[in-house]
């Protein structure tokens, strides 16, 4: 995507969500013997992204290990992306949990970047609720939206400085 006004939608911890793990159970998603994501229950016991599989198992003996599967992540993320089709047909999926689109047309149509970002967040949240089959989504996995003059800065804008990952 070129450097144009861009909206980025991120759903934190998507690989855990796509794996279908209950959020109150300690579990970690691994790739090449490294933890790439973990549930809040696992994080409470010290399991964080970047540590080795054995270290994670030492910190949390009852930890459920799940192999990362990009195909599964992308396949399940398309359920969220489908909710954005009525806003714009130009959604580009970067990886499971991350997508973006240029805001020029949609922003004008919906009344500005702020209104567009709010609409995208609401639609993504509703799709996430339907995907998980729950009424309330924990704060740590709520959809994040950033709008900026380039893709890179929109990614940064999606996460405030104090956002807990």
Protein backbone atom coordinates (compact mmCIF):
# COMPACT_ATOMS: atom_id res chain seq x y z
CA UNK A 1 0.00 0.00 0.00
CA UNK A 2 1.38 3.44 -0.86
CA UNK A 3 1.80 6.25 1.63
CA UNK A 4 -1.74 7.60 1.56
CA UNK A 5 -4.15 8.33 4.38
CA UNK A 6 -4.70 4.85 5.81
CA UNK A 7 -6.84 3.14 8.42
CA UNK A 8 -5.39 0.12 10.23
CA UNK A 9 -7.54 -2.32 12.20
CA UNK A 10 -5.78 -4.57 14.70
CA UNK A 11 -7.29 -7.21 16.94
CA UNK A 12 -4.69 -7.95 19.63
CA UNK A 13 -3.89 -11.57 20.46
CA UNK A 14 -5.55 -12.78 17.28
CA UNK A 15 -3.54 -16.01 17.09
CA UNK A 16 -4.93 -17.00 20.52
CA UNK A 17 -8.47 -16.05 19.47
CA UNK A 18 -8.19 -17.97 16.18
CA UNK A 19 -6.94 -21.05 18.03
CA UNK A 20 -10.21 -21.10 19.96
CA UNK A 21 -8.63 -21.08 23.41
CA UNK A 22 -10.65 -19.94 26.42
CA UNK A 23 -9.21 -16.70 27.73
CA UNK A 24 -9.24 -17.82 31.36
CA UNK A 25 -7.08 -20.88 30.61
CA UNK A 26 -3.28 -20.60 30.46
CA UNK A 27 -2.27 -21.17 26.85
CA UNK A 28 0.42 -19.98 24.48
CA UNK A 29 0.81 -19.96 20.72
CA UNK A 30 4.30 -20.95 19.58
CA UNK A 31 6.29 -20.73 16.39
CA UNK A 32 9.71 -22.35 16.03
CA UNK A 33 9.88 -23.08 19.79
CA UNK A 34 9.21 -19.44 20.71
CA UNK A 35 6.05 -18.05 22.27
CA UNK A 36 4.39 -15.59 19.88
CA UNK A 37 1.21 -14.96 21.89
CA UNK A 38 -0.36 -15.94 25.20
CA UNK A 39 -3.66 -15.70 27.03
CA UNK A 40 -3.98 -13.27 29.96
CA UNK A 41 -4.03 -16.28 32.32
CA UNK A 42 -0.63 -17.34 30.96
CA UNK A 43 0.75 -13.78 31.06
CA UNK A 44 -0.15 -13.58 34.77
CA UNK A 45 2.22 -16.50 35.32
CA UNK A 46 5.07 -14.84 33.39
CA UNK A 47 4.56 -16.30 29.91
CA UNK A 48 5.24 -13.54 27.37
CA UNK A 49 6.00 -13.35 23.66
CA UNK A 50 9.60 -14.13 22.78
CA UNK A 51 10.48 -16.68 25.44
CA UNK A 52 11.33 -20.26 24.57
CA UNK A 53 8.76 -23.05 24.80
CA UNK A 54 10.59 -24.81 27.66
CA UNK A 55 10.88 -21.60 29.66
CA UNK A 56 7.13 -21.04 29.24
CA UNK A 57 6.43 -24.59 30.44
CA UNK A 58 8.72 -24.04 33.43
CA UNK A 59 6.87 -20.84 34.38
CA UNK A 60 3.44 -22.43 33.92
CA UNK A 61 3.43 -26.26 34.07
CA UNK A 62 -0.25 -26.54 33.09
CA UNK A 63 0.27 -24.35 30.01
CA UNK A 64 -1.49 -25.51 26.84
CA UNK A 65 0.83 -25.14 23.83
CA UNK A 66 -0.67 -24.42 20.42
CA UNK A 67 1.31 -24.31 17.18
CA UNK A 68 0.92 -21.08 15.24
CA UNK A 69 -1.00 -21.53 12.01
CA UNK A 70 -1.06 -18.50 9.70
CA UNK A 71 -3.64 -20.15 7.44
CA UNK A 72 -6.01 -20.64 10.39
CA UNK A 73 -5.38 -17.07 11.58
CA UNK A 74 -6.13 -15.60 8.15
CA UNK A 75 -9.12 -17.87 7.52
CA UNK A 76 -10.81 -16.91 10.78
CA UNK A 77 -9.89 -13.23 10.37
CA UNK A 78 -11.87 -13.10 7.14
CA UNK A 79 -15.01 -13.34 9.29
CA UNK A 80 -14.03 -9.96 10.75
CA UNK A 81 -13.01 -8.50 7.38
CA UNK A 82 -16.39 -9.47 5.90
CA UNK A 83 -18.03 -7.10 8.38
CA UNK A 84 -16.10 -4.22 6.78
CA UNK A 85 -17.21 -4.94 3.20
CA UNK A 86 -20.11 -2.49 3.44
CA UNK A 87 -17.63 0.26 4.34
CA UNK A 88 -15.06 -0.36 1.60
CA UNK A 89 -14.17 -3.13 -0.85
CA UNK A 90 -10.45 -2.30 -0.62
CA UNK A 91 -9.55 -4.03 2.65
CA UNK A 92 -6.02 -5.46 2.57
CA UNK A 93 -5.29 -8.22 5.08
CA UNK A 94 -1.66 -8.06 6.22
CA UNK A 95 -1.82 -11.10 8.47
CA UNK A 96 -4.35 -12.63 10.82
CA UNK A 97 -5.56 -9.86 13.12
CA UNK A 98 -4.25 -6.97 10.98
CA UNK A 99 -5.87 -5.24 8.01
CA UNK A 100 -5.87 -1.80 6.43
CA UNK A 101 -7.44 0.29 3.70
CA UNK A 102 -7.04 3.77 2.20
CA UNK A 103 -9.48 6.20 3.80
CA UNK A 104 -9.96 8.78 1.07
CA UNK A 105 -13.34 7.62 -0.28
CA UNK A 106 -14.81 6.02 2.86
CA UNK A 107 -13.80 8.97 5.03
CA UNK A 108 -15.61 11.41 2.78
CA UNK A 109 -18.67 9.18 2.54
CA UNK A 110 -19.02 8.57 6.29
CA UNK A 111 -18.18 12.11 7.43
CA UNK A 112 -14.50 12.13 8.35
CA UNK A 113 -11.71 9.96 9.70
CA UNK A 114 -12.94 9.97 13.29
CA UNK A 115 -16.43 8.83 12.34
CA UNK A 116 -14.99 6.21 9.99
CA UNK A 117 -12.63 4.87 12.67
CA UNK A 118 -15.48 4.63 15.16
CA UNK A 119 -17.68 2.81 12.62
CA UNK A 120 -14.90 0.32 11.78
CA UNK A 121 -14.25 -0.34 15.48
CA UNK A 122 -17.97 -0.93 16.14
CA UNK A 123 -18.39 -3.30 13.18
CA UNK A 124 -15.22 -5.22 14.07
CA UNK A 125 -16.31 -5.49 17.71
CA UNK A 126 -19.72 -6.82 16.69
CA UNK A 127 -18.12 -9.34 14.32
CA UNK A 128 -15.73 -10.41 17.08
CA UNK A 129 -18.65 -10.90 19.48
CA UNK A 130 -20.41 -13.05 16.87
CA UNK A 131 -17.23 -15.02 16.14
CA UNK A 132 -16.60 -15.78 19.81
CA UNK A 133 -20.27 -16.13 20.73
CA UNK A 134 -19.99 -13.83 23.75
CA UNK A 135 -21.70 -10.60 24.77
CA UNK A 136 -18.70 -8.88 26.36
CA UNK A 137 -15.20 -8.70 24.88
CA UNK A 138 -12.26 -8.24 27.31
CA UNK A 139 -10.37 -4.95 26.92
CA UNK A 140 -7.12 -6.64 25.91
CA UNK A 141 -8.66 -8.11 22.75
CA UNK A 142 -10.92 -5.23 21.70
CA UNK A 143 -10.33 -4.05 18.14
CA UNK A 144 -7.89 -1.15 17.82
CA UNK A 145 -8.11 1.38 14.99
CA UNK A 146 -5.51 3.88 13.86
CA UNK A 147 -5.76 6.47 11.08
CA UNK A 148 -2.75 8.40 9.81
CA UNK A 149 -0.96 9.68 6.71
CA UNK A 150 0.95 6.43 6.12
CA UNK A 151 0.52 2.74 6.86
CA UNK A 152 3.36 2.74 9.39
CA UNK A 153 2.03 5.66 11.42
CA UNK A 154 -1.52 4.25 11.29
CA UNK A 155 -0.14 1.04 12.84
CA UNK A 156 1.45 3.12 15.60
CA UNK A 157 -1.76 5.10 16.09
CA UNK A 158 -3.72 1.89 16.65
CA UNK A 159 -1.87 1.34 19.93
CA UNK A 160 -1.74 4.13 22.51
CA UNK A 161 1.46 4.41 24.52
CA UNK A 162 0.01 2.71 27.60
CA UNK A 163 -1.91 -0.08 25.83
CA UNK A 164 -1.32 -3.44 27.58
CA UNK A 165 -0.10 -6.10 25.16
